[in-house]
Amino acid sequence: MCGESLIPQTANLPELQPVHADPAGARVATAEQHEEVVMRLKSLVVVLGIALVATSTLVVPAAAGTTRTVVPGANAQVSVSIAKLPGTPPAVAGVSFSINVGIGNEGPDKASVRLLIELPEGLTATTGNQLGCPAGTGTLDCGVTEIPVGEQFDDESRLVATRSGSYMLVAKLTDLTAADASPGDNTASTTVVVGAATASPTVTRFAISPTKPRAGARFTASFAVVDKVAGAALVSTAVRCAAVVAGAKVPARRSVTRGKATCTFLPPRTAKGEMLRGSIAATAAGKRLRKGFAIRLR
């Protein structure tokens, strides 16, 4: 509306109808004309009232091509903070960690602010928080929050890094509705060092098939290996198989089948009803893993 007149243009109003003269030569307005004049005056009063209200606030430029409305005479010392939570484990690539974001207002007047969180490439917010910050990547717009005098708000967000390295996170307050004599604390940053993931292999999905092996028939014992931290499957190598029944070793064949360490055993026919005790072992991510079992042959 900058540069436009707030007073209605007469060109947009209906034309007045001709008036009639009385016998004495005096000009008398019709009832319709009188009503139209009254309506025009009312419209002018309304528009002037809107203009007066509009001048009660000051609109000034803000960052990124936006605008903010500053209440004249309002002052507020607002601040923002961002930091990794103390006492938490070191950040590791592929594993989520927490950061804390806070905003506050020391007054003397209340103020509304817009909170922005800037995440560098390779860092993702996996959860939102109660300040309105969403999950996502890049610049997170947490929306506008009104902060009363003396109040502070903070909450956690969970982040995850795709790779190891050093990441700088920046929090900014924009669109303030009050003047801030100390704008330096309207921006805060923190650097999080993310280490390389260290695999923690663990046995999963151990199985014997068939579940009730028979003497004289082949059966398999197998397990998969996953990284306990990241949940990713790990490759098994150096598979070893061992089994004994009735004091004798049981022939076995080792393999890696569909990513699982597998042992195929063939107990003798004479071992029916006997207890077979065995084990399967494999190496994954430099760690030796072993699973033992005991079954009675049918």
C-alpha atoms as a PDB file:
ATOM      1  CA  MET A   1       0.000   0.000   0.000  1.00  0.00           C
ATOM      2  CA  CYS A   2       3.066   2.285   0.080  1.00  0.00           C
ATOM      3  CA  GLY A   3       2.521   5.405  -1.981  1.00  0.00           C
ATOM      4  CA  GLU A   4      -1.251   4.860  -2.313  1.00  0.00           C
ATOM      5  CA  SER A   5      -3.714   7.381  -0.921  1.00  0.00           C
ATOM      6  CA  LEU A   6      -5.881   6.185   1.957  1.00  0.00           C
ATOM      7  CA  ILE A   7      -8.604   8.717   1.083  1.00  0.00           C
ATOM      8  CA  PRO A   8     -11.299   7.360  -1.281  1.00  0.00           C
ATOM      9  CA  GLN A   9     -11.170   8.768  -4.778  1.00  0.00           C
ATOM     10  CA  THR A  10     -14.242  10.685  -5.916  1.00  0.00           C
ATOM     11  CA  ALA A  11     -13.937   9.007  -9.320  1.00  0.00           C
ATOM     12  CA  ASN A  12     -14.978   5.739  -7.701  1.00  0.00           C
ATOM     13  CA  LEU A  13     -18.103   7.174  -6.053  1.00  0.00           C
ATOM     14  CA  PRO A  14     -21.533   7.380  -7.674  1.00  0.00           C
ATOM     15  CA  GLU A  15     -22.359  10.624  -9.504  1.00  0.00           C
ATOM     16  CA  LEU A  16     -24.738  13.019  -7.777  1.00  0.00           C
ATOM     17  CA  GLN A  17     -28.113  13.336  -9.373  1.00  0.00           C
ATOM     18  CA  PRO A  18     -29.333  16.767 -10.568  1.00  0.00           C
ATOM     19  CA  VAL A  19     -31.117  18.865  -7.942  1.00  0.00           C
ATOM     20  CA  HIS A  20     -34.412  20.632  -8.439  1.00  0.00           C
ATOM     21  CA  ALA A  21     -35.165  24.339  -8.004  1.00  0.00           C
ATOM     22  CA  ASP A  22     -38.144  25.543  -6.001  1.00  0.00           C
ATOM     23  CA  PRO A  23     -40.372  28.311  -7.337  1.00  0.00           C
ATOM     24  CA  ALA A  24     -38.407  30.891  -5.401  1.00  0.00           C
ATOM     25  CA  GLY A  25     -35.210  29.870  -7.156  1.00  0.00           C
ATOM     26  CA  ALA A  26     -33.694  28.118  -4.125  1.00  0.00           C
ATOM     27  CA  ARG A  27     -31.930  24.784  -4.860  1.00  0.00           C
ATOM     28  CA  VAL A  28     -33.241  21.846  -2.806  1.00  0.00           C
ATOM     29  CA  ALA A  29     -31.429  18.471  -2.651  1.00  0.00           C
ATOM     30  CA  THR A  30     -33.558  15.387  -3.056  1.00  0.00           C
ATOM     31  CA  ALA A  31     -33.770  12.836  -0.214  1.00  0.00           C
ATOM     32  CA  GLU A  32     -31.646  10.457  -2.279  1.00  0.00           C
ATOM     33  CA  GLN A  33     -28.878  13.037  -2.652  1.00  0.00           C
ATOM     34  CA  HIS A  34     -28.898  13.790   1.041  1.00  0.00           C
ATOM     35  CA  GLU A  35     -28.522  10.101   1.895  1.00  0.00           C
ATOM     36  CA  GLU A  36     -25.676   9.721  -0.616  1.00  0.00           C
ATOM     37  CA  VAL A  37     -23.741  12.647   0.897  1.00  0.00           C
ATOM     38  CA  VAL A  38     -24.120  11.116   4.374  1.00  0.00           C
ATOM     39  CA  MET A  39     -22.800   7.763   3.141  1.00  0.00           C
ATOM     40  CA  ARG A  40     -19.787   9.444   1.522  1.00  0.00           C
ATOM     41  CA  LEU A  41     -18.952  11.227   4.768  1.00  0.00           C
ATOM     42  CA  LYS A  42     -19.214   7.964   6.707  1.00  0.00           C
ATOM     43  CA  SER A  43     -16.884   6.246   4.245  1.00  0.00           C
ATOM     44  CA  LEU A  44     -14.342   9.014   4.638  1.00  0.00           C
ATOM     45  CA  VAL A  45     -14.445   8.724   8.424  1.00  0.00           C
ATOM     46  CA  VAL A  46     -13.872   4.960   8.250  1.00  0.00           C
ATOM     47  CA  VAL A  47     -10.901   5.289   5.892  1.00  0.00           C
ATOM     48  CA  LEU A  48      -9.327   8.022   8.007  1.00  0.00           C
ATOM     49  CA  GLY A  49      -9.732   5.767  11.068  1.00  0.00           C
ATOM     50  CA  ILE A  50      -7.928   2.926   9.305  1.00  0.00           C
ATOM     51  CA  ALA A  51      -5.128   5.288   8.327  1.00  0.00           C
ATOM     52  CA  LEU A  52      -4.708   6.398  11.946  1.00  0.00           C
ATOM     53  CA  VAL A  53      -4.531   2.771  13.154  1.00  0.00           C
ATOM     54  CA  ALA A  54      -2.017   1.879  10.448  1.00  0.00           C
ATOM     55  CA  THR A  55       0.333   4.667  11.593  1.00  0.00           C
ATOM     56  CA  SER A  56       0.357   3.336  15.187  1.00  0.00           C
ATOM     57  CA  THR A  57       3.030   0.734  14.228  1.00  0.00           C
ATOM     58  CA  LEU A  58       6.263   1.004  12.313  1.00  0.00           C
ATOM     59  CA  VAL A  59       7.088  -1.474   9.557  1.00  0.00           C
ATOM     60  CA  VAL A  60      10.819  -1.857   8.922  1.00  0.00           C
ATOM     61  CA  PRO A  61      12.782  -4.159   6.604  1.00  0.00           C
ATOM     62  CA  ALA A  62      13.913  -7.552   7.968  1.00  0.00           C
ATOM     63  CA  ALA A  63      16.256 -10.231   6.755  1.00  0.00           C
ATOM     64  CA  ALA A  64      15.599 -12.364   3.692  1.00  0.00           C
ATOM     65  CA  GLY A  65      13.310  -9.796   2.115  1.00  0.00           C
ATOM     66  CA  THR A  66      10.630 -10.045   4.824  1.00  0.00           C
ATOM     67  CA  THR A  67       9.238  -7.329   7.067  1.00  0.00           C
ATOM     68  CA  ARG A  68       8.718  -7.035  10.773  1.00  0.00           C
ATOM     69  CA  THR A  69       6.345  -4.793  12.671  1.00  0.00           C
ATOM     70  CA  VAL A  70       8.014  -2.999  15.567  1.00  0.00           C
ATOM     71  CA  VAL A  71       5.807  -1.516  18.275  1.00  0.00           C
ATOM     72  CA  PRO A  72       7.000   2.081  18.858  1.00  0.00           C
ATOM     73  CA  GLY A  73       8.670   2.468  22.233  1.00  0.00           C
ATOM     74  CA  ALA A  74       8.847  -1.281  22.891  1.00  0.00           C
ATOM     75  CA  ASN A  75      12.197  -2.633  24.073  1.00  0.00           C
ATOM     76  CA  ALA A  76      13.177  -6.224  24.790  1.00  0.00           C
ATOM     77  CA  GLN A  77      16.477  -7.963  25.334  1.00  0.00           C
ATOM     78  CA  VAL A  78      15.895 -11.335  23.680  1.00  0.00           C
ATOM     79  CA  SER A  79      18.455 -14.099  23.312  1.00  0.00           C
ATOM     80  CA  VAL A  80      18.892 -17.547  21.774  1.00  0.00           C
ATOM     81  CA  SER A  81      21.138 -20.474  22.679  1.00  0.00           C
ATOM     82  CA  ILE A  82      22.028 -23.786  21.048  1.00  0.00           C
ATOM     83  CA  ALA A  83      24.300 -26.528  22.383  1.00  0.00           C
ATOM     84  CA  LYS A  84      24.799 -30.272  22.536  1.00  0.00           C
ATOM     85  CA  LEU A  85      23.463 -31.627  25.810  1.00  0.00           C
ATOM     86  CA  PRO A  86      26.274 -31.989  28.373  1.00  0.00           C
ATOM     87  CA  GLY A  87      27.000 -35.406  29.813  1.00  0.00           C
ATOM     88  CA  THR A  88      25.755 -37.257  26.723  1.00  0.00           C
ATOM     89  CA  PRO A  89      27.885 -39.741  24.737  1.00  0.00           C
ATOM     90  CA  PRO A  90      30.069 -38.382  21.909  1.00  0.00           C
ATOM     91  CA  ALA A  91      28.255 -37.987  18.605  1.00  0.00           C
ATOM     92  CA  VAL A  92      28.829 -40.832  16.169  1.00  0.00           C
ATOM     93  CA  ALA A  93      27.942 -40.947  12.465  1.00  0.00           C
ATOM     94  CA  GLY A  94      24.674 -42.758  11.859  1.00  0.00           C
ATOM     95  CA  VAL A  95      23.581 -42.501  15.505  1.00  0.00           C
ATOM     96  CA  SER A  96      21.210 -39.717  16.636  1.00  0.00           C
ATOM     97  CA  PHE A  97      22.231 -37.248  19.344  1.00  0.00           C
ATOM     98  CA  SER A  98      20.455 -34.387  21.136  1.00  0.00           C
ATOM     99  CA  ILE A  99      20.919 -30.636  21.005  1.00  0.00           C
ATOM    100  CA  ASN A 100      19.138 -28.099  23.195  1.00  0.00           C
ATOM    101  CA  VAL A 101      17.704 -24.879  21.766  1.00  0.00           C
ATOM    102  CA  GLY A 102      16.547 -22.050  24.041  1.00  0.00           C
ATOM    103  CA  ILE A 103      15.064 -18.564  23.710  1.00  0.00           C
ATOM    104  CA  GLY A 104      14.467 -15.930  26.388  1.00  0.00           C
ATOM    105  CA  ASN A 105      13.431 -12.339  27.048  1.00  0.00           C
ATOM    106  CA  GLU A 106      14.850 -10.130  29.822  1.00  0.00           C
ATOM    107  CA  GLY A 107      12.429  -7.302  28.988  1.00  0.00           C
ATOM    108  CA  PRO A 108      11.424  -4.673  29.801  1.00  0.00           C
ATOM    109  CA  ASP A 109       8.668  -5.399  27.229  1.00  0.00           C
ATOM    110  CA  LYS A 110       7.274  -8.585  25.712  1.00  0.00           C
ATOM    111  CA  ALA A 111       8.346  -9.443  22.179  1.00  0.00           C
ATOM    112  CA  SER A 112       7.558 -11.844  19.370  1.00  0.00           C
ATOM    113  CA  VAL A 113      10.403 -13.457  17.440  1.00  0.00           C
ATOM    114  CA  ARG A 114      10.922 -15.943  14.632  1.00  0.00           C
ATOM    115  CA  LEU A 115      13.391 -18.733  15.381  1.00  0.00           C
ATOM    116  CA  LEU A 116      15.521 -20.231  12.595  1.00  0.00           C
ATOM    117  CA  ILE A 117      17.924 -23.179  12.904  1.00  0.00           C
ATOM    118  CA  GLU A 118      20.576 -23.588  10.207  1.00  0.00           C
ATOM    119  CA  LEU A 119      21.904 -27.126   9.753  1.00  0.00           C
ATOM    120  CA  PRO A 120      24.971 -27.757   7.567  1.00  0.00           C
ATOM    121  CA  GLU A 121      24.981 -30.348   4.803  1.00  0.00           C
ATOM    122  CA  GLY A 122      25.179 -33.884   6.129  1.00  0.00           C
ATOM    123  CA  LEU A 123      23.182 -33.141   9.276  1.00  0.00           C
ATOM    124  CA  THR A 124      19.459 -33.971   9.621  1.00  0.00           C
ATOM    125  CA  ALA A 125      16.942 -33.198  12.362  1.00  0.00           C
ATOM    126  CA  THR A 126      15.059 -36.458  12.909  1.00  0.00           C
ATOM    127  CA  THR A 127      12.519 -35.015  15.375  1.00  0.00           C
ATOM    128  CA  GLY A 128      10.841 -31.680  15.973  1.00  0.00           C
ATOM    129  CA  ASN A 129      10.622 -29.885  19.322  1.00  0.00           C
ATOM    130  CA  GLN A 130       8.156 -27.885  21.402  1.00  0.00           C
ATOM    131  CA  LEU A 131       9.558 -24.596  20.140  1.00  0.00           C
ATOM    132  CA  GLY A 132       8.021 -25.392  16.766  1.00  0.00           C
ATOM    133  CA  CYS A 133      11.223 -26.491  15.061  1.00  0.00           C
ATOM    134  CA  PRO A 134      10.428 -29.216  12.497  1.00  0.00           C
ATOM    135  CA  ALA A 135      12.384 -32.254  11.394  1.00  0.00           C
ATOM    136  CA  GLY A 136      14.356 -31.792   8.178  1.00  0.00           C
ATOM    137  CA  THR A 137      17.557 -30.439   6.676  1.00  0.00           C
ATOM    138  CA  GLY A 138      18.975 -27.014   5.785  1.00  0.00           C
ATOM    139  CA  THR A 139      17.284 -24.006   7.409  1.00  0.00           C
ATOM    140  CA  LEU A 140      14.485 -25.022   9.786  1.00  0.00           C
ATOM    141  CA  ASP A 141      11.791 -22.375  10.299  1.00  0.00           C
ATOM    142  CA  CYS A 142      10.461 -22.793  13.836  1.00  0.00           C
ATOM    143  CA  GLY A 143       7.771 -20.132  13.406  1.00  0.00           C
ATOM    144  CA  VAL A 144       6.918 -17.074  15.523  1.00  0.00           C
ATOM    145  CA  THR A 145       6.825 -17.226  19.325  1.00  0.00           C
ATOM    146  CA  GLU A 146       5.741 -14.513  21.755  1.00  0.00           C
ATOM    147  CA  ILE A 147       8.078 -14.319  24.752  1.00  0.00           C
ATOM    148  CA  PRO A 148       6.712 -12.593  27.871  1.00  0.00           C
ATOM    149  CA  VAL A 149       9.088 -10.592  30.049  1.00  0.00           C
ATOM    150  CA  GLY A 150      11.326 -12.789  32.164  1.00  0.00           C
ATOM    151  CA  GLU A 151      10.373 -16.028  30.382  1.00  0.00           C
ATOM    152  CA  GLN A 152      12.682 -18.648  28.869  1.00  0.00           C
ATOM    153  CA  PHE A 153      11.723 -21.610  26.677  1.00  0.00           C
ATOM    154  CA  ASP A 154      13.917 -24.507  25.604  1.00  0.00           C
ATOM    155  CA  ASP A 155      13.604 -28.039  24.248  1.00  0.00           C
ATOM    156  CA  GLU A 156      15.627 -30.803  22.619  1.00  0.00           C
ATOM    157  CA  SER A 157      15.897 -31.852  18.984  1.00  0.00           C
ATOM    158  CA  ARG A 158      17.428 -35.122  17.775  1.00  0.00           C
ATOM    159  CA  LEU A 159      20.000 -34.896  14.986  1.00  0.00           C
ATOM    160  CA  VAL A 160      21.948 -37.463  12.991  1.00  0.00           C
ATOM    161  CA  ALA A 161      25.060 -37.050  10.844  1.00  0.00           C
ATOM    162  CA  THR A 162      25.605 -39.098   7.702  1.00  0.00           C
ATOM    163  CA  ARG A 163      29.390 -39.059   8.120  1.00  0.00           C
ATOM    164  CA  SER A 164      32.084 -38.107  10.594  1.00  0.00           C
ATOM    165  CA  GLY A 165      33.368 -34.525  10.743  1.00  0.00           C
ATOM    166  CA  SER A 166      32.876 -31.142  12.382  1.00  0.00           C
ATOM    167  CA  TYR A 167      29.435 -29.501  12.048  1.00  0.00           C
ATOM    168  CA  MET A 168      28.497 -25.910  12.946  1.00  0.00           C
ATOM    169  CA  LEU A 169      24.870 -25.315  13.924  1.00  0.00           C
ATOM    170  CA  VAL A 170      23.448 -21.769  13.980  1.00  0.00           C
ATOM    171  CA  ALA A 171      20.308 -20.475  15.725  1.00  0.00           C
ATOM    172  CA  LYS A 172      18.886 -17.041  14.815  1.00  0.00           C
ATOM    173  CA  LEU A 173      16.094 -14.775  16.043  1.00  0.00           C
ATOM    174  CA  THR A 174      14.493 -12.583  13.365  1.00  0.00           C
ATOM    175  CA  ASP A 175      11.353 -10.460  12.937  1.00  0.00           C
ATOM    176  CA  LEU A 176      11.544  -8.946  16.441  1.00  0.00           C
ATOM    177  CA  THR A 177       8.556  -6.797  17.417  1.00  0.00           C
ATOM    178  CA  ALA A 178      10.604  -4.721  19.867  1.00  0.00           C
ATOM    179  CA  ALA A 179      13.891  -2.860  19.709  1.00  0.00           C
ATOM    180  CA  ASP A 180      16.839  -4.817  21.139  1.00  0.00           C
ATOM    181  CA  ALA A 181      19.759  -2.783  22.462  1.00  0.00           C
ATOM    182  CA  SER A 182      21.955  -5.921  22.526  1.00  0.00           C
ATOM    183  CA  PRO A 183      21.318  -7.697  19.210  1.00  0.00           C
ATOM    184  CA  GLY A 184      24.524  -9.706  19.471  1.00  0.00           C
ATOM    185  CA  ASP A 185      22.778 -12.499  21.368  1.00  0.00           C
ATOM    186  CA  ASN A 186      20.049 -12.797  18.715  1.00  0.00           C
ATOM    187  CA  THR A 187      22.391 -15.341  17.079  1.00  0.00           C
ATOM    188  CA  ALA A 188      24.138 -18.339  18.624  1.00  0.00           C
ATOM    189  CA  SER A 189      26.186 -21.212  17.261  1.00  0.00           C
ATOM    190  CA  THR A 190      27.786 -24.431  18.394  1.00  0.00           C
ATOM    191  CA  THR A 191      30.160 -26.912  16.784  1.00  0.00           C
ATOM    192  CA  VAL A 192      29.548 -30.639  17.145  1.00  0.00           C
ATOM    193  CA  VAL A 193      32.344 -33.085  16.360  1.00  0.00           C
ATOM    194  CA  VAL A 194      30.985 -36.361  14.999  1.00  0.00           C
ATOM    195  CA  GLY A 195      33.209 -39.407  15.164  1.00  0.00           C
ATOM    196  CA  ALA A 196      33.340 -42.346  12.790  1.00  0.00           C
ATOM    197  CA  ALA A 197      30.994 -45.179  13.589  1.00  0.00           C
ATOM    198  CA  THR A 198      32.587 -48.102  15.421  1.00  0.00           C
ATOM    199  CA  ALA A 199      30.906 -51.387  14.607  1.00  0.00           C
ATOM    200  CA  SER A 200      29.590 -53.440  17.487  1.00  0.00           C
ATOM    201  CA  PRO A 201      28.790 -56.837  15.932  1.00  0.00           C
ATOM    202  CA  THR A 202      26.248 -59.065  17.621  1.00  0.00           C
ATOM    203  CA  VAL A 203      24.601 -62.401  16.771  1.00  0.00           C
ATOM    204  CA  THR A 204      20.982 -62.315  15.640  1.00  0.00           C
ATOM    205  CA  ARG A 205      18.438 -64.645  14.015  1.00  0.00           C
ATOM    206  CA  PHE A 206      20.043 -67.849  15.291  1.00  0.00           C
ATOM    207  CA  ALA A 207      18.105 -70.876  13.996  1.00  0.00           C
ATOM    208  CA  ILE A 208      18.220 -74.662  13.712  1.00  0.00           C
ATOM    209  CA  SER A 209      16.423 -76.181  10.742  1.00  0.00           C
ATOM    210  CA  PRO A 210      14.510 -78.348  11.031  1.00  0.00           C
ATOM    211  CA  THR A 211      13.791 -77.397  14.608  1.00  0.00           C
ATOM    212  CA  LYS A 212      13.722 -81.094  15.635  1.00  0.00           C
ATOM    213  CA  PRO A 213      16.582 -82.819  13.761  1.00  0.00           C
ATOM    214  CA  ARG A 214      16.566 -86.549  13.103  1.00  0.00           C
ATOM    215  CA  ALA A 215      19.458 -88.978  13.428  1.00  0.00           C
ATOM    216  CA  GLY A 216      20.793 -89.850   9.980  1.00  0.00           C
ATOM    217  CA  ALA A 217      19.395 -86.641   8.391  1.00  0.00           C
ATOM    218  CA  ARG A 218      21.099 -83.339   7.694  1.00  0.00           C
ATOM    219  CA  PHE A 219      20.185 -80.221   9.653  1.00  0.00           C
ATOM    220  CA  THR A 220      21.596 -76.679   9.739  1.00  0.00           C
ATOM    221  CA  ALA A 221      22.544 -74.223  12.442  1.00  0.00           C
ATOM    222  CA  SER A 222      22.938 -70.599  11.357  1.00  0.00           C
ATOM    223  CA  PHE A 223      23.030 -66.985  12.527  1.00  0.00           C
ATOM    224  CA  ALA A 224      23.279 -63.476  11.072  1.00  0.00           C
ATOM    225  CA  VAL A 225      25.448 -60.637  12.386  1.00  0.00           C
ATOM    226  CA  VAL A 226      24.382 -56.999  12.720  1.00  0.00           C
ATOM    227  CA  ASP A 227      25.938 -53.817  14.062  1.00  0.00           C
ATOM    228  CA  LYS A 228      24.320 -53.324  17.455  1.00  0.00           C
ATOM    229  CA  VAL A 229      24.635 -49.519  17.183  1.00  0.00           C
ATOM    230  CA  ALA A 230      23.587 -48.812  13.607  1.00  0.00           C
ATOM    231  CA  GLY A 231      21.479 -51.937  13.032  1.00  0.00           C
ATOM    232  CA  ALA A 232      23.170 -52.635   9.697  1.00  0.00           C
ATOM    233  CA  ALA A 233      23.964 -56.203   8.604  1.00  0.00           C
ATOM    234  CA  LEU A 234      27.625 -57.232   8.772  1.00  0.00           C
ATOM    235  CA  VAL A 235      29.386 -59.802   6.616  1.00  0.00           C
ATOM    236  CA  SER A 236      30.396 -63.046   8.342  1.00  0.00           C
ATOM    237  CA  THR A 237      33.693 -64.753   7.484  1.00  0.00           C
ATOM    238  CA  ALA A 238      35.838 -67.609   8.785  1.00  0.00           C
ATOM    239  CA  VAL A 239      32.904 -69.835   9.746  1.00  0.00           C
ATOM    240  CA  ARG A 240      33.731 -72.772  12.028  1.00  0.00           C
ATOM    241  CA  CYS A 241      31.444 -75.706  12.936  1.00  0.00           C
ATOM    242  CA  ALA A 242      31.688 -78.284  15.717  1.00  0.00           C
ATOM    243  CA  ALA A 243      29.351 -80.962  17.117  1.00  0.00           C
ATOM    244  CA  VAL A 244      29.597 -84.109  19.219  1.00  0.00           C
ATOM    245  CA  VAL A 245      27.041 -86.883  19.847  1.00  0.00           C
ATOM    246  CA  ALA A 246      27.580 -90.054  21.916  1.00  0.00           C
ATOM    247  CA  GLY A 247      31.254 -89.140  22.270  1.00  0.00           C
ATOM    248  CA  ALA A 248      31.876 -88.940  18.526  1.00  0.00           C
ATOM    249  CA  LYS A 249      32.419 -85.902  16.263  1.00  0.00           C
ATOM    250  CA  VAL A 250      29.644 -85.111  13.806  1.00  0.00           C
ATOM    251  CA  PRO A 251      30.634 -84.339  10.191  1.00  0.00           C
ATOM    252  CA  ALA A 252      29.860 -80.726   9.231  1.00  0.00           C
ATOM    253  CA  ARG A 253      30.078 -78.388   6.240  1.00  0.00           C
ATOM    254  CA  ARG A 254      30.462 -74.616   6.666  1.00  0.00           C
ATOM    255  CA  SER A 255      29.252 -71.794   4.418  1.00  0.00           C
ATOM    256  CA  VAL A 256      27.825 -68.260   4.308  1.00  0.00           C
ATOM    257  CA  THR A 257      24.276 -68.470   2.951  1.00  0.00           C
ATOM    258  CA  ARG A 258      22.268 -65.293   2.263  1.00  0.00           C
ATOM    259  CA  GLY A 259      24.582 -63.390   4.576  1.00  0.00           C
ATOM    260  CA  LYS A 260      24.226 -65.904   7.410  1.00  0.00           C
ATOM    261  CA  ALA A 261      27.005 -68.063   8.841  1.00  0.00           C
ATOM    262  CA  THR A 262      25.756 -71.624   8.317  1.00  0.00           C
ATOM    263  CA  CYS A 263      26.830 -75.087   9.442  1.00  0.00           C
ATOM    264  CA  THR A 264      25.284 -78.220   7.961  1.00  0.00           C
ATOM    265  CA  PHE A 265      25.589 -81.302  10.209  1.00  0.00           C
ATOM    266  CA  LEU A 266      24.969 -85.001   9.446  1.00  0.00           C
ATOM    267  CA  PRO A 267      24.516 -87.043  12.672  1.00  0.00           C
ATOM    268  CA  PRO A 268      24.762 -90.865  12.410  1.00  0.00           C
ATOM    269  CA  ARG A 269      21.632 -93.009  12.283  1.00  0.00           C
ATOM    270  CA  THR A 270      22.718 -94.746  15.488  1.00  0.00           C
ATOM    271  CA  ALA A 271      22.425 -91.473  17.437  1.00  0.00           C
ATOM    272  CA  LYS A 272      18.643 -91.551  17.686  1.00  0.00           C
ATOM    273  CA  GLY A 273      17.551 -90.316  21.116  1.00  0.00           C
ATOM    274  CA  GLU A 274      21.042 -89.040  21.916  1.00  0.00           C
ATOM    275  CA  MET A 275      21.895 -85.442  22.948  1.00  0.00           C
ATOM    276  CA  LEU A 276      23.917 -83.580  20.324  1.00  0.00           C
ATOM    277  CA  ARG A 277      25.976 -80.603  21.497  1.00  0.00           C
ATOM    278  CA  GLY A 278      27.432 -78.215  18.977  1.00  0.00           C
ATOM    279  CA  SER A 279      28.524 -74.687  18.134  1.00  0.00           C
ATOM    280  CA  ILE A 280      28.860 -72.317  15.211  1.00  0.00           C
ATOM    281  CA  ALA A 281      31.397 -69.474  15.100  1.00  0.00           C
ATOM    282  CA  ALA A 282      32.214 -66.654  12.665  1.00  0.00           C
ATOM    283  CA  THR A 283      34.153 -63.417  12.443  1.00  0.00           C
ATOM    284  CA  ALA A 284      32.526 -60.035  11.650  1.00  0.00           C
ATOM    285  CA  ALA A 285      34.029 -56.530  11.856  1.00  0.00           C
ATOM    286  CA  GLY A 286      37.121 -58.030  13.469  1.00  0.00           C
ATOM    287  CA  LYS A 287      35.221 -59.695  16.293  1.00  0.00           C
ATOM    288  CA  ARG A 288      34.887 -63.441  16.848  1.00  0.00           C
ATOM    289  CA  LEU A 289      31.312 -64.542  17.551  1.00  0.00           C
ATOM    290  CA  ARG A 290      30.116 -67.953  18.734  1.00  0.00           C
ATOM    291  CA  LYS A 291      26.744 -69.565  19.393  1.00  0.00           C
ATOM    292  CA  GLY A 292      26.386 -72.933  21.146  1.00  0.00           C
ATOM    293  CA  PHE A 293      23.390 -75.270  21.159  1.00  0.00           C
ATOM    294  CA  ALA A 294      22.207 -78.671  22.456  1.00  0.00           C
ATOM    295  CA  ILE A 295      19.424 -80.767  20.895  1.00  0.00           C
ATOM    296  CA  ARG A 296      18.098 -84.298  21.308  1.00  0.00           C
ATOM    297  CA  LEU A 297      17.959 -86.190  18.037  1.00  0.00           C
ATOM    298  CA  ARG A 298      14.723 -87.846  17.044  1.00  0.00           C
END
